C-alpha atoms as a PDB file:
ATOM      1  CA  MET A   1     -19.466  60.241 140.872  1.00  0.00           C
ATOM      2  CA  LYS A   2     -22.810  60.924 139.223  1.00  0.00           C
ATOM      3  CA  ASN A   3     -23.098  64.263 137.427  1.00  0.00           C
ATOM      4  CA  LYS A   4     -26.003  66.469 138.475  1.00  0.00           C
ATOM      5  CA  ARG A   5     -28.071  67.760 135.621  1.00  0.00           C
ATOM      6  CA  LYS A   6     -27.827  71.544 135.496  1.00  0.00           C
ATOM      7  CA  TYR A   7     -30.773  73.715 134.507  1.00  0.00           C
ATOM      8  CA  PRO A   8     -30.153  76.854 132.534  1.00  0.00           C
ATOM      9  CA  TYR A   9     -31.205  79.322 135.239  1.00  0.00           C
ATOM     10  CA  LYS A  10     -28.528  79.957 137.878  1.00  0.00           C
ATOM     11  CA  ASN A  11     -27.126  76.454 137.520  1.00  0.00           C
ATOM     12  CA  THR A  12     -30.131  75.013 139.291  1.00  0.00           C
ATOM     13  CA  SER A  13     -29.899  71.274 139.866  1.00  0.00           C
ATOM     14  CA  GLU A  14     -32.587  68.636 139.399  1.00  0.00           C
ATOM     15  CA  LYS A  15     -32.874  68.396 143.193  1.00  0.00           C
ATOM     16  CA  ASP A  16     -33.516  72.153 143.362  1.00  0.00           C
ATOM     17  CA  LEU A  17     -36.188  71.863 140.703  1.00  0.00           C
ATOM     18  CA  MET A  18     -37.915  69.045 142.567  1.00  0.00           C
ATOM     19  CA  SER A  19     -37.771  71.009 145.834  1.00  0.00           C
ATOM     20  CA  PHE A  20     -39.186  74.067 144.093  1.00  0.00           C
ATOM     21  CA  GLU A  21     -42.007  72.053 142.524  1.00  0.00           C
ATOM     22  CA  GLN A  22     -42.829  70.470 145.876  1.00  0.00           C
ATOM     23  CA  LEU A  23     -42.955  73.876 147.597  1.00  0.00           C
ATOM     24  CA  PHE A  24     -45.038  75.285 144.757  1.00  0.00           C
ATOM     25  CA  ARG A  25     -47.644  72.502 144.900  1.00  0.00           C
ATOM     26  CA  LEU A  26     -47.796  72.582 148.678  1.00  0.00           C
ATOM     27  CA  PHE A  27     -48.000  76.336 149.295  1.00  0.00           C
ATOM     28  CA  TYR A  28     -49.360  78.055 146.166  1.00  0.00           C
ATOM     29  CA  PRO A  29     -53.094  77.767 147.071  1.00  0.00           C
ATOM     30  CA  ARG A  30     -52.567  78.833 150.692  1.00  0.00           C
ATOM     31  CA  LEU A  31     -50.296  81.718 149.713  1.00  0.00           C
ATOM     32  CA  LYS A  32     -52.824  82.918 147.155  1.00  0.00           C
ATOM     33  CA  ASN A  33     -55.617  82.863 149.765  1.00  0.00           C
ATOM     34  CA  TYR A  34     -53.404  84.711 152.228  1.00  0.00           C
ATOM     35  CA  ALA A  35     -52.485  87.383 149.665  1.00  0.00           C
ATOM     36  CA  PHE A  36     -56.145  87.794 148.724  1.00  0.00           C
ATOM     37  CA  SER A  37     -57.098  88.264 152.392  1.00  0.00           C
ATOM     38  CA  LEU A  38     -54.629  91.157 152.569  1.00  0.00           C
ATOM     39  CA  LEU A  39     -55.135  92.749 149.152  1.00  0.00           C
ATOM     40  CA  GLN A  40     -58.799  91.952 148.403  1.00  0.00           C
ATOM     41  CA  ASN A  41     -57.912  91.636 144.711  1.00  0.00           C
ATOM     42  CA  GLU A  42     -57.602  88.199 143.117  1.00  0.00           C
ATOM     43  CA  ASN A  43     -55.393  89.207 140.183  1.00  0.00           C
ATOM     44  CA  GLU A  44     -53.048  91.189 142.373  1.00  0.00           C
ATOM     45  CA  ALA A  45     -52.888  88.341 144.902  1.00  0.00           C
ATOM     46  CA  GLU A  46     -51.970  85.912 142.135  1.00  0.00           C
ATOM     47  CA  ASP A  47     -49.282  88.271 140.813  1.00  0.00           C
ATOM     48  CA  MET A  48     -47.785  88.656 144.287  1.00  0.00           C
ATOM     49  CA  VAL A  49     -47.603  84.892 144.827  1.00  0.00           C
ATOM     50  CA  GLN A  50     -46.019  84.401 141.411  1.00  0.00           C
ATOM     51  CA  ASP A  51     -43.447  87.075 142.243  1.00  0.00           C
ATOM     52  CA  VAL A  52     -42.625  85.303 145.503  1.00  0.00           C
ATOM     53  CA  PHE A  53     -42.125  81.989 143.715  1.00  0.00           C
ATOM     54  CA  PHE A  54     -40.041  83.689 141.052  1.00  0.00           C
ATOM     55  CA  GLN A  55     -37.846  85.178 143.761  1.00  0.00           C
ATOM     56  CA  LEU A  56     -37.554  81.733 145.341  1.00  0.00           C
ATOM     57  CA  TRP A  57     -36.632  80.221 141.950  1.00  0.00           C
ATOM     58  CA  GLN A  58     -33.936  82.841 141.416  1.00  0.00           C
ATOM     59  CA  ASN A  59     -32.369  81.932 144.758  1.00  0.00           C
ATOM     60  CA  MET A  60     -33.165  78.221 144.712  1.00  0.00           C
ATOM     61  CA  ALA A  61     -29.512  77.175 144.441  1.00  0.00           C
ATOM     62  CA  ASP A  62     -28.841  79.012 147.734  1.00  0.00           C
ATOM     63  CA  PHE A  63     -32.130  78.080 149.406  1.00  0.00           C
ATOM     64  CA  ASP A  64     -31.820  75.782 152.410  1.00  0.00           C
ATOM     65  CA  ASP A  65     -35.314  74.602 153.367  1.00  0.00           C
ATOM     66  CA  GLU A  66     -34.823  72.606 156.569  1.00  0.00           C
ATOM     67  CA  GLY A  67     -38.614  72.524 157.001  1.00  0.00           C
ATOM     68  CA  ASN A  68     -38.995  76.312 157.119  1.00  0.00           C
ATOM     69  CA  GLY A  69     -40.000  76.817 153.480  1.00  0.00           C
ATOM     70  CA  GLY A  70     -43.563  77.758 154.371  1.00  0.00           C
ATOM     71  CA  SER A  71     -42.509  80.368 156.920  1.00  0.00           C
ATOM     72  CA  TYR A  72     -40.030  81.832 154.463  1.00  0.00           C
ATOM     73  CA  LEU A  73     -42.620  82.054 151.666  1.00  0.00           C
ATOM     74  CA  PHE A  74     -45.323  83.533 153.894  1.00  0.00           C
ATOM     75  CA  THR A  75     -42.888  86.137 155.221  1.00  0.00           C
ATOM     76  CA  LEU A  76     -41.818  87.110 151.691  1.00  0.00           C
ATOM     77  CA  LEU A  77     -45.442  87.342 150.610  1.00  0.00           C
ATOM     78  CA  LYS A  78     -46.559  89.331 153.654  1.00  0.00           C
ATOM     79  CA  ASN A  79     -43.767  91.871 153.113  1.00  0.00           C
ATOM     80  CA  ARG A  80     -44.625  92.245 149.424  1.00  0.00           C
ATOM     81  CA  CYS A  81     -48.336  92.689 150.172  1.00  0.00           C
ATOM     82  CA  LEU A  82     -47.710  95.229 152.937  1.00  0.00           C
ATOM     83  CA  ASN A  83     -45.368  97.202 150.678  1.00  0.00           C
ATOM     84  CA  SER A  84     -48.035  97.184 147.965  1.00  0.00           C
ATOM     85  CA  LEU A  85     -50.691  98.412 150.413  1.00  0.00           C
ATOM     86  CA  LYS A  86     -48.408 101.162 151.720  1.00  0.00           C
ATOM     87  CA  HIS A  87     -47.691 102.237 148.150  1.00  0.00           C
ATOM     88  CA  LYS A  88     -51.431 102.403 147.402  1.00  0.00           C
ATOM     89  CA  VAL A  89     -52.054 104.584 150.464  1.00  0.00           C
ATOM     90  CA  VAL A  90     -49.314 106.988 149.360  1.00  0.00           C
ATOM     91  CA  GLU A  91     -50.730 107.055 145.806  1.00  0.00           C
ATOM     92  CA  GLU A  92     -54.256 107.743 147.074  1.00  0.00           C
ATOM     93  CA  LYS A  93     -53.089 110.557 149.341  1.00  0.00           C
ATOM     94  CA  TYR A  94     -51.156 112.073 146.454  1.00  0.00           C
ATOM     95  CA  ALA A  95     -54.142 111.720 144.093  1.00  0.00           C
ATOM     96  CA  VAL A  96     -56.475 113.470 146.557  1.00  0.00           C
ATOM     97  CA  ARG A  97     -53.956 116.260 147.175  1.00  0.00           C
ATOM     98  CA  PHE A  98     -53.326 116.611 143.443  1.00  0.00           C
ATOM     99  CA  ALA A  99     -57.062 116.696 142.648  1.00  0.00           C
ATOM    100  CA  LYS A 100     -57.629 119.305 145.331  1.00  0.00           C
ATOM    101  CA  ASN A 101     -54.809 121.495 144.012  1.00  0.00           C
ATOM    102  CA  GLU A 102     -55.924 121.054 140.411  1.00  0.00           C
ATOM    103  CA  THR A 103     -59.497 121.934 141.327  1.00  0.00           C
ATOM    104  CA  GLU A 104     -58.301 125.035 143.138  1.00  0.00           C
ATOM    105  CA  GLU A 105     -56.194 126.130 140.173  1.00  0.00           C
ATOM    106  CA  LEU A 106     -58.871 125.399 137.579  1.00  0.00           C
ATOM    107  CA  TYR A 107     -61.548 127.417 139.307  1.00  0.00           C
ATOM    108  CA  HIS A 108     -60.143 130.882 139.567  1.00  0.00           C
ATOM    109  CA  ILE A 109     -62.677 133.409 138.433  1.00  0.00           C
ATOM    110  CA  SER A 110     -61.653 136.653 136.829  1.00  0.00           C
ATOM    111  CA  PHE A 111     -63.669 139.763 137.465  1.00  0.00           C
ATOM    112  CA  ALA A 112     -63.205 141.948 134.394  1.00  0.00           C
ATOM    113  CA  GLU A 113     -63.917 145.260 136.121  1.00  0.00           C
ATOM    114  CA  THR A 114     -61.361 144.867 138.888  1.00  0.00           C
ATOM    115  CA  ASN A 115     -58.943 142.309 137.406  1.00  0.00           C
ATOM    116  CA  GLU A 116     -59.069 140.590 140.799  1.00  0.00           C
ATOM    117  CA  PHE A 117     -59.134 136.848 141.114  1.00  0.00           C
ATOM    118  CA  ILE A 118     -61.134 134.855 143.594  1.00  0.00           C
ATOM    119  CA  SER A 119     -60.156 131.308 144.472  1.00  0.00           C
ATOM    120  CA  MET A 120     -62.545 128.395 144.353  1.00  0.00           C
ATOM    121  CA  GLU A 121     -62.393 128.275 148.151  1.00  0.00           C
ATOM    122  CA  GLU A 122     -63.485 131.931 148.428  1.00  0.00           C
ATOM    123  CA  ARG A 123     -66.244 131.417 145.872  1.00  0.00           C
ATOM    124  CA  LEU A 124     -67.436 128.335 147.735  1.00  0.00           C
ATOM    125  CA  MET A 125     -67.574 130.145 151.078  1.00  0.00           C
ATOM    126  CA  PHE A 126     -69.421 133.094 149.519  1.00  0.00           C
ATOM    127  CA  GLU A 127     -72.043 130.846 147.885  1.00  0.00           C
ATOM    128  CA  LEU A 128     -72.409 128.687 150.986  1.00  0.00           C
ATOM    129  CA  GLU A 129     -73.149 131.755 153.094  1.00  0.00           C
ATOM    130  CA  MET A 130     -75.867 132.783 150.631  1.00  0.00           C
ATOM    131  CA  ILE A 131     -77.347 129.273 150.534  1.00  0.00           C
ATOM    132  CA  ILE A 132     -77.226 128.780 154.304  1.00  0.00           C
ATOM    133  CA  LYS A 133     -79.364 131.922 154.728  1.00  0.00           C
ATOM    134  CA  GLU A 134     -82.111 130.113 152.772  1.00  0.00           C
ATOM    135  CA  MET A 135     -82.092 127.136 155.169  1.00  0.00           C
ATOM    136  CA  PRO A 136     -84.405 126.788 158.168  1.00  0.00           C
ATOM    137  CA  GLU A 137     -82.797 128.025 161.406  1.00  0.00           C
ATOM    138  CA  LYS A 138     -81.974 124.643 162.973  1.00  0.00           C
ATOM    139  CA  CYS A 139     -80.739 123.370 159.626  1.00  0.00           C
ATOM    140  CA  GLN A 140     -78.422 126.403 159.390  1.00  0.00           C
ATOM    141  CA  THR A 141     -77.023 125.750 162.855  1.00  0.00           C
ATOM    142  CA  ALA A 142     -76.407 122.028 162.239  1.00  0.00           C
ATOM    143  CA  PHE A 143     -74.886 122.742 158.818  1.00  0.00           C
ATOM    144  CA  ARG A 144     -72.466 125.346 160.182  1.00  0.00           C
ATOM    145  CA  LEU A 145     -71.440 123.152 163.141  1.00  0.00           C
ATOM    146  CA  LYS A 146     -70.798 120.167 160.869  1.00  0.00           C
ATOM    147  CA  TRP A 147     -69.165 121.722 157.818  1.00  0.00           C
ATOM    148  CA  PHE A 148     -67.527 124.869 159.172  1.00  0.00           C
ATOM    149  CA  GLU A 149     -66.568 123.799 162.679  1.00  0.00           C
ATOM    150  CA  GLY A 150     -66.023 120.099 161.964  1.00  0.00           C
ATOM    151  CA  LYS A 151     -68.195 118.879 164.848  1.00  0.00           C
ATOM    152  CA  LYS A 152     -69.336 115.258 165.063  1.00  0.00           C
ATOM    153  CA  ILE A 153     -73.031 114.338 164.962  1.00  0.00           C
ATOM    154  CA  ARG A 154     -73.146 113.616 168.714  1.00  0.00           C
ATOM    155  CA  GLU A 155     -71.468 116.936 169.528  1.00  0.00           C
ATOM    156  CA  ILE A 156     -73.968 118.790 167.359  1.00  0.00           C
ATOM    157  CA  ALA A 157     -76.863 116.945 169.036  1.00  0.00           C
ATOM    158  CA  LYS A 158     -75.550 117.947 172.461  1.00  0.00           C
ATOM    159  CA  ILE A 159     -74.980 121.589 171.468  1.00  0.00           C
ATOM    160  CA  MET A 160     -78.416 121.885 169.839  1.00  0.00           C
ATOM    161  CA  ASP A 161     -80.090 119.732 172.515  1.00  0.00           C
ATOM    162  CA  ILE A 162     -81.709 117.454 169.917  1.00  0.00           C
ATOM    163  CA  SER A 163     -81.353 113.781 168.964  1.00  0.00           C
ATOM    164  CA  THR A 164     -78.670 112.548 166.574  1.00  0.00           C
ATOM    165  CA  THR A 165     -81.486 111.472 164.233  1.00  0.00           C
ATOM    166  CA  MET A 166     -82.715 115.059 164.060  1.00  0.00           C
ATOM    167  CA  VAL A 167     -79.160 116.274 163.408  1.00  0.00           C
ATOM    168  CA  ASP A 168     -78.931 113.807 160.496  1.00  0.00           C
ATOM    169  CA  LYS A 169     -82.244 115.089 159.128  1.00  0.00           C
ATOM    170  CA  HIS A 170     -81.131 118.737 159.362  1.00  0.00           C
ATOM    171  CA  LEU A 171     -77.808 117.942 157.664  1.00  0.00           C
ATOM    172  CA  ALA A 172     -79.508 115.935 154.909  1.00  0.00           C
ATOM    173  CA  LYS A 173     -81.916 118.820 154.276  1.00  0.00           C
ATOM    174  CA  GLY A 174     -78.994 121.263 154.236  1.00  0.00           C
ATOM    175  CA  LEU A 175     -77.097 119.147 151.691  1.00  0.00           C
ATOM    176  CA  GLN A 176     -80.223 118.865 149.577  1.00  0.00           C
ATOM    177  CA  ILE A 177     -80.618 122.662 149.561  1.00  0.00           C
ATOM    178  CA  ALA A 178     -76.909 123.138 148.789  1.00  0.00           C
ATOM    179  CA  ARG A 179     -76.993 120.587 145.949  1.00  0.00           C
ATOM    180  CA  LYS A 180     -80.119 122.196 144.471  1.00  0.00           C
ATOM    181  CA  ASN A 181     -78.824 125.784 144.617  1.00  0.00           C
ATOM    182  CA  MET A 182     -75.105 125.352 143.992  1.00  0.00           C
ATOM    183  CA  ASP A 183     -73.262 125.062 140.694  1.00  0.00           C
ATOM    184  CA  PRO A 184     -72.564 121.292 140.235  1.00  0.00           C
ATOM    185  CA  ASP A 185     -68.781 121.802 139.953  1.00  0.00           C
ATOM    186  CA  LEU A 186     -68.793 123.948 143.064  1.00  0.00           C
ATOM    187  CA  TYR A 187     -70.883 121.361 144.922  1.00  0.00           C
ATOM    188  CA  ILE A 188     -68.308 118.661 144.040  1.00  0.00           C
ATOM    189  CA  PHE A 189     -65.564 120.967 145.281  1.00  0.00           C
ATOM    190  CA  PHE A 190     -67.559 121.419 148.496  1.00  0.00           C
ATOM    191  CA  LEU A 191     -67.719 117.637 148.982  1.00  0.00           C
ATOM    192  CA  VAL A 192     -63.992 117.222 148.304  1.00  0.00           C
ATOM    193  CA  ARG A 193     -63.119 120.176 150.541  1.00  0.00           C
ATOM    194  CA  PHE A 194     -65.289 119.355 153.538  1.00  0.00           C
ATOM    195  CA  GLN A 195     -65.922 115.595 153.539  1.00  0.00           C
ATOM    196  CA  LYS A 196     -63.588 113.732 155.885  1.00  0.00           C
END
């Protein structure tokens, strides 16, 4: 009986190594393209594919191909990519929430005479009201409908009985007036607070 050569990792045999190498050569480029199509990041796609092959290598002694190696690898890769994307979404949501909370906390203003505090949100609303009064009438209406009531451009156009192009022009003018007259930090807070 011929002795199989054992490789140091998990007692992998020469046959396992050859199977692994064959799978690697056959599927690596396609897996990398697939990962890139999901992640839109070449380095991350490459890392994901390498992780999949590492996982395969760890379990090579137990791996039974039977012609389904490609399906197995693509399924592993898809699951890893989807988990990565889900994790990114959670991180982004947390970052936005954290930034919003931090901004709110950082911008409390103390009024020495009364020792009362006003939040960034209250300051923003107060300044916006003052700035909106400086806008032309139709600009005021469009601005309030968009930013205070959350209406869509088409809804605003219908309410005001004007075209969507005119709504866009009124909103652009309103933002220009707000940007010009508002403290830059407060304007950024306005964008974070109201932009959807």
